[in-house]
N, C-alpha and C. Protein backbone atom coordinates (compact mmCIF):
# COMPACT_ATOMS: atom_id res chain seq x y z
N VAL A 1 16.13 -8.06 1.26
CA VAL A 1 14.41 -7.95 1.03
C VAL A 1 14.21 -6.92 0.55
N GLN A 2 13.53 -6.75 -0.52
CA GLN A 2 12.93 -5.50 -1.59
C GLN A 2 11.46 -5.35 -1.25
N LEU A 3 11.20 -4.26 -1.55
CA LEU A 3 9.68 -4.29 -1.70
C LEU A 3 9.35 -3.07 -2.52
N GLN A 4 8.94 -3.16 -3.92
CA GLN A 4 8.39 -2.79 -4.94
C GLN A 4 6.66 -1.89 -5.06
N ALA A 5 6.74 -0.49 -4.48
CA ALA A 5 5.56 0.08 -4.74
C ALA A 5 5.16 0.87 -5.64
N PHE A 6 4.02 0.56 -6.42
CA PHE A 6 3.77 1.17 -7.86
C PHE A 6 2.23 1.36 -7.81
N GLY A 7 1.76 2.43 -8.72
CA GLY A 7 0.60 2.26 -9.17
C GLY A 7 -0.15 3.50 -8.75
N GLY A 8 0.56 4.65 -8.21
CA GLY A 8 0.44 6.10 -7.67
C GLY A 8 0.17 6.92 -9.00
N GLY A 9 -0.68 8.15 -8.97
CA GLY A 9 -0.71 8.97 -10.24
C GLY A 9 -1.50 9.86 -9.70
N LEU A 10 -1.93 10.65 -11.02
CA LEU A 10 -2.39 11.54 -10.42
C LEU A 10 -4.11 11.75 -10.72
N VAL A 11 -4.90 12.01 -9.96
CA VAL A 11 -6.44 11.53 -10.01
C VAL A 11 -7.24 12.68 -9.35
N GLN A 12 -8.40 12.93 -9.80
CA GLN A 12 -9.54 13.85 -9.60
C GLN A 12 -10.05 13.62 -8.08
N ALA A 13 -10.13 14.48 -7.52
CA ALA A 13 -11.02 14.24 -6.22
C ALA A 13 -12.35 13.43 -6.05
N GLY A 14 -12.48 12.16 -5.50
CA GLY A 14 -13.51 11.98 -5.88
C GLY A 14 -13.10 10.05 -6.45
N GLY A 15 -12.16 10.49 -7.32
CA GLY A 15 -11.59 9.24 -8.14
C GLY A 15 -10.97 8.25 -7.14
N SER A 16 -10.55 6.98 -7.88
CA SER A 16 -10.08 5.95 -7.20
C SER A 16 -8.55 5.47 -7.60
N LEU A 17 -7.81 4.40 -7.08
CA LEU A 17 -6.50 3.93 -7.56
C LEU A 17 -6.03 2.91 -6.90
N ARG A 18 -5.51 1.87 -7.13
CA ARG A 18 -5.12 0.82 -6.44
C ARG A 18 -3.48 0.89 -6.31
N LEU A 19 -2.99 0.58 -5.28
CA LEU A 19 -1.82 0.69 -4.94
C LEU A 19 -1.48 -0.57 -4.89
N SER A 20 0.09 -0.75 -5.59
CA SER A 20 0.41 -2.46 -5.29
C SER A 20 1.70 -2.01 -4.36
N CYS A 21 2.18 -3.64 -3.80
CA CYS A 21 3.79 -3.09 -3.35
C CYS A 21 4.08 -4.75 -3.66
N ALA A 22 4.94 -4.91 -4.67
CA ALA A 22 5.59 -6.25 -4.79
C ALA A 22 7.03 -6.63 -3.85
N SER A 23 6.34 -7.78 -2.82
CA SER A 23 7.95 -8.51 -2.30
C SER A 23 8.84 -9.07 -2.96
N SER A 24 10.21 -8.97 -3.48
CA SER A 24 11.42 -10.05 -3.19
C SER A 24 11.15 -11.75 -2.54
N ILE A 25 10.24 -11.39 -1.37
CA ILE A 25 10.31 -13.00 -0.59
C ILE A 25 8.79 -12.69 -0.48
N ARG A 26 8.28 -14.26 0.35
CA ARG A 26 7.37 -14.42 0.49
C ARG A 26 6.54 -13.30 1.36
N ILE A 27 5.53 -13.08 1.34
CA ILE A 27 5.26 -11.97 2.09
C ILE A 27 4.34 -13.18 3.55
N SER A 28 4.24 -14.54 3.13
CA SER A 28 3.83 -15.12 4.26
C SER A 28 4.94 -14.91 5.82
N SER A 29 5.99 -14.68 5.16
CA SER A 29 6.99 -14.31 6.18
C SER A 29 7.18 -13.28 7.36
N PHE A 30 6.11 -12.56 6.73
CA PHE A 30 6.30 -11.22 7.46
C PHE A 30 4.94 -11.09 8.80
N THR A 31 5.16 -10.76 10.13
CA THR A 31 3.99 -10.64 10.62
C THR A 31 2.61 -10.00 10.66
N SER A 32 3.11 -8.69 9.78
CA SER A 32 2.27 -7.95 9.17
C SER A 32 2.85 -6.66 8.07
N MET A 33 1.91 -6.25 7.43
CA MET A 33 2.42 -5.18 6.26
C MET A 33 1.87 -4.02 6.43
N GLY A 34 2.07 -2.90 5.93
CA GLY A 34 0.85 -2.20 5.82
C GLY A 34 1.84 -0.77 5.06
N TRP A 35 0.34 0.29 4.58
CA TRP A 35 0.90 1.51 3.83
C TRP A 35 1.01 2.41 5.00
N TYR A 36 1.96 3.56 4.47
CA TYR A 36 2.29 5.19 4.70
C TYR A 36 2.00 5.69 4.53
N CYS A 37 1.44 7.04 4.62
CA CYS A 37 1.22 8.16 4.14
C CYS A 37 2.29 9.21 4.35
N GLN A 38 3.03 10.24 3.79
CA GLN A 38 3.87 11.07 4.25
C GLN A 38 3.50 12.39 3.31
N ALA A 39 2.75 13.23 3.64
CA ALA A 39 2.18 14.21 3.23
C ALA A 39 3.18 15.53 3.03
N PRO A 40 3.27 16.26 2.05
CA PRO A 40 4.10 17.15 1.71
C PRO A 40 4.06 18.29 3.40
N GLY A 41 5.96 18.25 3.82
CA GLY A 41 6.20 18.79 4.95
C GLY A 41 5.11 18.12 6.57
N LYS A 42 4.72 17.04 6.08
CA LYS A 42 4.52 16.38 7.12
C LYS A 42 5.15 15.08 7.70
N GLN A 43 4.34 14.20 8.99
CA GLN A 43 5.72 13.23 9.07
C GLN A 43 5.02 11.73 8.37
N ARG A 44 5.48 10.54 8.55
CA ARG A 44 4.77 9.86 7.90
C ARG A 44 3.83 9.17 8.79
N GLU A 45 2.50 8.98 8.38
CA GLU A 45 1.34 8.50 8.92
C GLU A 45 0.91 7.07 8.74
N LEU A 46 -0.05 6.31 9.69
CA LEU A 46 -0.47 4.80 9.14
C LEU A 46 -1.19 5.41 8.13
N VAL A 47 -1.79 4.46 7.31
CA VAL A 47 -2.98 4.37 6.59
C VAL A 47 -4.08 2.98 6.58
N ALA A 48 -3.28 2.11 6.22
CA ALA A 48 -3.62 0.53 7.00
C ALA A 48 -2.47 -0.43 7.30
N THR A 49 -3.31 -1.36 7.94
CA THR A 49 -2.01 -2.51 8.34
C THR A 49 -2.84 -3.69 7.99
N ILE A 50 -2.28 -4.74 7.73
CA ILE A 50 -2.96 -6.40 7.67
C ILE A 50 -1.91 -7.11 8.67
N SER A 51 -2.43 -8.22 9.02
CA SER A 51 -1.82 -9.24 9.64
C SER A 51 -1.13 -10.22 8.51
N PHE A 52 -0.41 -11.21 8.87
CA PHE A 52 -0.23 -12.23 7.97
C PHE A 52 -1.05 -12.74 7.12
N ASP A 53 -2.07 -13.76 7.79
CA ASP A 53 -2.85 -14.23 7.11
C ASP A 53 -4.14 -13.38 6.69
N GLY A 54 -4.24 -12.19 6.80
CA GLY A 54 -4.91 -11.16 6.02
C GLY A 54 -6.15 -11.18 7.32
N SER A 55 -6.41 -11.84 8.12
CA SER A 55 -7.56 -11.88 9.27
C SER A 55 -7.53 -10.54 9.96
N SER A 56 -6.31 -9.83 10.13
CA SER A 56 -7.26 -8.39 10.84
C SER A 56 -6.53 -7.35 10.32
N THR A 57 -7.49 -6.06 10.14
CA THR A 57 -6.63 -5.30 9.55
C THR A 57 -7.01 -3.91 10.21
N THR A 58 -6.39 -2.79 10.26
CA THR A 58 -6.62 -1.41 10.95
C THR A 58 -6.82 -0.48 9.89
N TYR A 59 -7.14 0.43 10.59
CA TYR A 59 -6.87 1.70 9.65
C TYR A 59 -6.80 3.20 9.73
N GLY A 60 -6.28 3.87 9.60
CA GLY A 60 -6.07 5.70 9.87
C GLY A 60 -7.56 5.94 10.13
N ASP A 61 -7.91 6.89 10.96
CA ASP A 61 -9.59 7.72 11.06
C ASP A 61 -9.68 8.21 9.96
N SER A 62 -8.58 8.84 8.95
CA SER A 62 -9.07 9.78 7.70
C SER A 62 -9.39 8.87 6.78
N VAL A 63 -8.71 7.47 6.60
CA VAL A 63 -9.24 6.73 5.33
C VAL A 63 -10.11 5.47 5.34
N LYS A 64 -11.12 5.52 6.82
CA LYS A 64 -11.59 4.66 6.97
C LYS A 64 -12.92 4.68 6.23
N GLY A 65 -13.36 3.46 5.71
CA GLY A 65 -14.84 3.48 5.01
C GLY A 65 -14.42 3.72 3.60
N ARG A 66 -13.08 4.38 2.98
CA ARG A 66 -12.89 4.78 1.86
C ARG A 66 -11.58 3.66 1.01
N PHE A 67 -10.76 3.53 2.01
CA PHE A 67 -9.63 2.39 1.75
C PHE A 67 -9.64 0.94 2.22
N THR A 68 -8.71 0.24 1.59
CA THR A 68 -9.27 -1.32 1.77
C THR A 68 -7.40 -1.66 1.48
N ILE A 69 -7.06 -2.81 2.44
CA ILE A 69 -5.69 -3.35 2.48
C ILE A 69 -6.18 -4.56 2.36
N SER A 70 -5.31 -5.15 1.25
CA SER A 70 -5.54 -6.53 1.42
C SER A 70 -4.13 -7.04 1.06
N ARG A 71 -3.78 -8.28 0.37
CA ARG A 71 -2.65 -8.90 0.28
C ARG A 71 -2.79 -10.43 -0.38
N ASP A 72 -2.26 -10.68 -1.43
CA ASP A 72 -2.10 -11.66 -2.01
C ASP A 72 -0.63 -12.57 -1.89
N ASN A 73 -1.00 -13.38 -0.69
CA ASN A 73 0.37 -14.16 -0.43
C ASN A 73 0.91 -15.38 -1.52
N ALA A 74 -0.26 -15.75 -2.45
CA ALA A 74 0.54 -16.69 -3.51
C ALA A 74 1.41 -15.62 -4.62
N GLU A 75 0.70 -14.40 -4.61
CA GLU A 75 1.64 -13.54 -5.63
C GLU A 75 2.65 -12.74 -4.76
N ASN A 76 2.64 -12.78 -3.96
CA ASN A 76 3.43 -11.97 -2.69
C ASN A 76 3.42 -10.05 -3.02
N ILE A 77 2.10 -9.95 -3.17
CA ILE A 77 1.76 -8.44 -3.08
C ILE A 77 0.95 -8.00 -2.44
N LEU A 78 1.11 -6.84 -1.94
CA LEU A 78 0.20 -6.12 -0.71
C LEU A 78 -0.76 -5.05 -1.69
N TYR A 79 -1.91 -4.74 -1.47
CA TYR A 79 -2.81 -3.91 -2.25
C TYR A 79 -2.99 -2.76 -1.52
N LEU A 80 -3.59 -1.53 -1.78
CA LEU A 80 -4.22 -0.58 -1.21
C LEU A 80 -4.95 -0.14 -2.39
N GLN A 81 -6.56 -0.66 -2.43
CA GLN A 81 -7.29 0.14 -2.99
C GLN A 81 -7.97 1.79 -2.21
N MET A 82 -7.54 2.66 -2.72
CA MET A 82 -7.97 3.98 -2.89
C MET A 82 -9.22 4.51 -3.51
N SER A 83 -10.73 4.59 -2.78
CA SER A 83 -11.91 5.17 -3.50
C SER A 83 -11.76 6.43 -2.64
N SER A 84 -12.96 7.38 -3.32
CA SER A 84 -13.64 8.69 -2.71
C SER A 84 -12.33 9.69 -2.35
N LEU A 85 -11.60 9.95 -3.26
CA LEU A 85 -10.06 10.14 -2.73
C LEU A 85 -10.25 11.69 -2.76
N LYS A 86 -9.56 12.12 -1.46
CA LYS A 86 -9.29 14.15 -1.70
C LYS A 86 -8.30 14.11 -1.74
N PRO A 87 -8.45 15.81 -2.02
CA PRO A 87 -6.78 16.20 -2.22
C PRO A 87 -6.11 16.07 -0.99
N ASP A 88 -6.37 15.94 0.33
CA ASP A 88 -5.64 15.52 1.62
C ASP A 88 -5.07 14.39 1.56
N ASP A 89 -5.57 13.69 0.66
CA ASP A 89 -4.87 11.88 0.61
C ASP A 89 -3.36 12.22 -0.08
N THR A 90 -3.42 13.53 -0.81
CA THR A 90 -1.87 13.76 -1.60
C THR A 90 -0.82 13.35 -0.94
N GLY A 91 0.14 12.56 -1.00
CA GLY A 91 1.30 12.28 -0.65
C GLY A 91 2.35 10.87 -0.86
N ILE A 92 2.84 10.81 -0.45
CA ILE A 92 4.13 9.50 -1.12
C ILE A 92 3.69 8.44 -0.02
N TYR A 93 3.37 7.31 -0.54
CA TYR A 93 2.61 6.17 -0.15
C TYR A 93 3.65 5.13 0.17
N TYR A 94 4.13 4.72 1.26
CA TYR A 94 5.42 3.79 1.22
C TYR A 94 4.60 2.51 1.79
N CYS A 95 5.25 1.03 1.23
CA CYS A 95 4.79 -0.29 1.92
C CYS A 95 5.65 -0.49 3.25
N LYS A 96 4.89 -0.83 3.71
CA LYS A 96 6.36 -1.66 4.95
C LYS A 96 5.61 -3.00 5.31
N ALA A 97 7.07 -3.74 5.31
CA ALA A 97 6.70 -5.28 6.03
C ALA A 97 7.39 -5.10 7.39
N SER A 98 6.47 -6.11 8.28
CA SER A 98 7.61 -6.23 9.40
C SER A 98 7.69 -7.71 9.79
N ARG A 99 8.70 -7.51 10.75
CA ARG A 99 9.20 -9.29 11.21
C ARG A 99 9.06 -8.81 12.75
N THR A 100 9.63 -9.89 13.29
CA THR A 100 9.43 -9.51 15.15
C THR A 100 10.94 -8.79 15.10
N TRP A 101 12.08 -9.16 14.50
CA TRP A 101 12.85 -8.57 14.64
C TRP A 101 13.35 -6.74 14.07
N GLY A 102 12.26 -6.62 12.76
CA GLY A 102 12.33 -5.25 12.38
C GLY A 102 11.21 -4.83 11.33
N ALA A 103 11.61 -4.17 10.47
CA ALA A 103 10.90 -3.85 9.30
C ALA A 103 11.29 -3.60 8.69
N TYR A 104 10.82 -3.71 7.08
CA TYR A 104 11.50 -3.25 5.43
C TYR A 104 10.28 -2.10 5.01
N TRP A 105 11.14 -1.27 4.34
CA TRP A 105 10.43 -0.07 3.65
C TRP A 105 10.68 -0.13 2.37
N GLY A 106 9.42 0.36 1.80
CA GLY A 106 9.56 0.15 0.35
C GLY A 106 10.11 1.66 0.02
N GLN A 107 10.23 2.16 -1.67
CA GLN A 107 10.85 2.86 -2.16
C GLN A 107 9.24 4.26 -2.09
N GLY A 108 8.51 3.96 -1.81
CA GLY A 108 7.28 4.82 -2.21
C GLY A 108 6.66 5.24 -3.45
N THR A 109 5.24 5.23 -3.73
CA THR A 109 4.97 5.73 -4.59
C THR A 109 3.73 7.14 -4.88
N GLN A 110 4.34 8.22 -5.45
CA GLN A 110 3.30 9.39 -5.26
C GLN A 110 1.99 9.28 -5.57
N VAL A 111 1.15 9.81 -5.28
CA VAL A 111 -0.57 10.12 -5.44
C VAL A 111 -0.84 11.69 -5.31
N THR A 112 -1.19 12.09 -5.62
CA THR A 112 -1.65 13.53 -5.79
C THR A 112 -3.30 13.11 -6.47
N VAL A 113 -3.79 14.07 -5.36
CA VAL A 113 -5.35 13.95 -5.70
C VAL A 113 -5.66 15.89 -6.12
N SER A 114 -5.94 15.90 -7.11
CA SER A 114 -6.49 17.67 -6.93
C SER A 114 -7.91 17.60 -7.29
N SER A 115 -8.50 19.11 -6.57
CA SER A 115 -9.78 19.47 -6.37
C SER A 115 -10.55 19.47 -7.47
């Protein structure tokens, strides 16, 4: 299984970005998928997760109301729409795909928010 995350970049505070994570296999086979962020010098933290059919989502407290996770099972892509970005959102964003017996991680995409 390969997960390819892309869409990161440099953006000013208050701006928006959309991250995408393309899977080499059908994402409907995963029980859940999610985005995680690792800021410089910090541990990787949960940003958002979504169930296999998109019916259930969870968000980290710092991104609630600003970020939206979604998935396109037909195209096998996971998305993260990021709005009202803050400098504290800076980090490497990783996508994760979970199955009952394990999980897979993508390589990460850098997001930098300037003040």
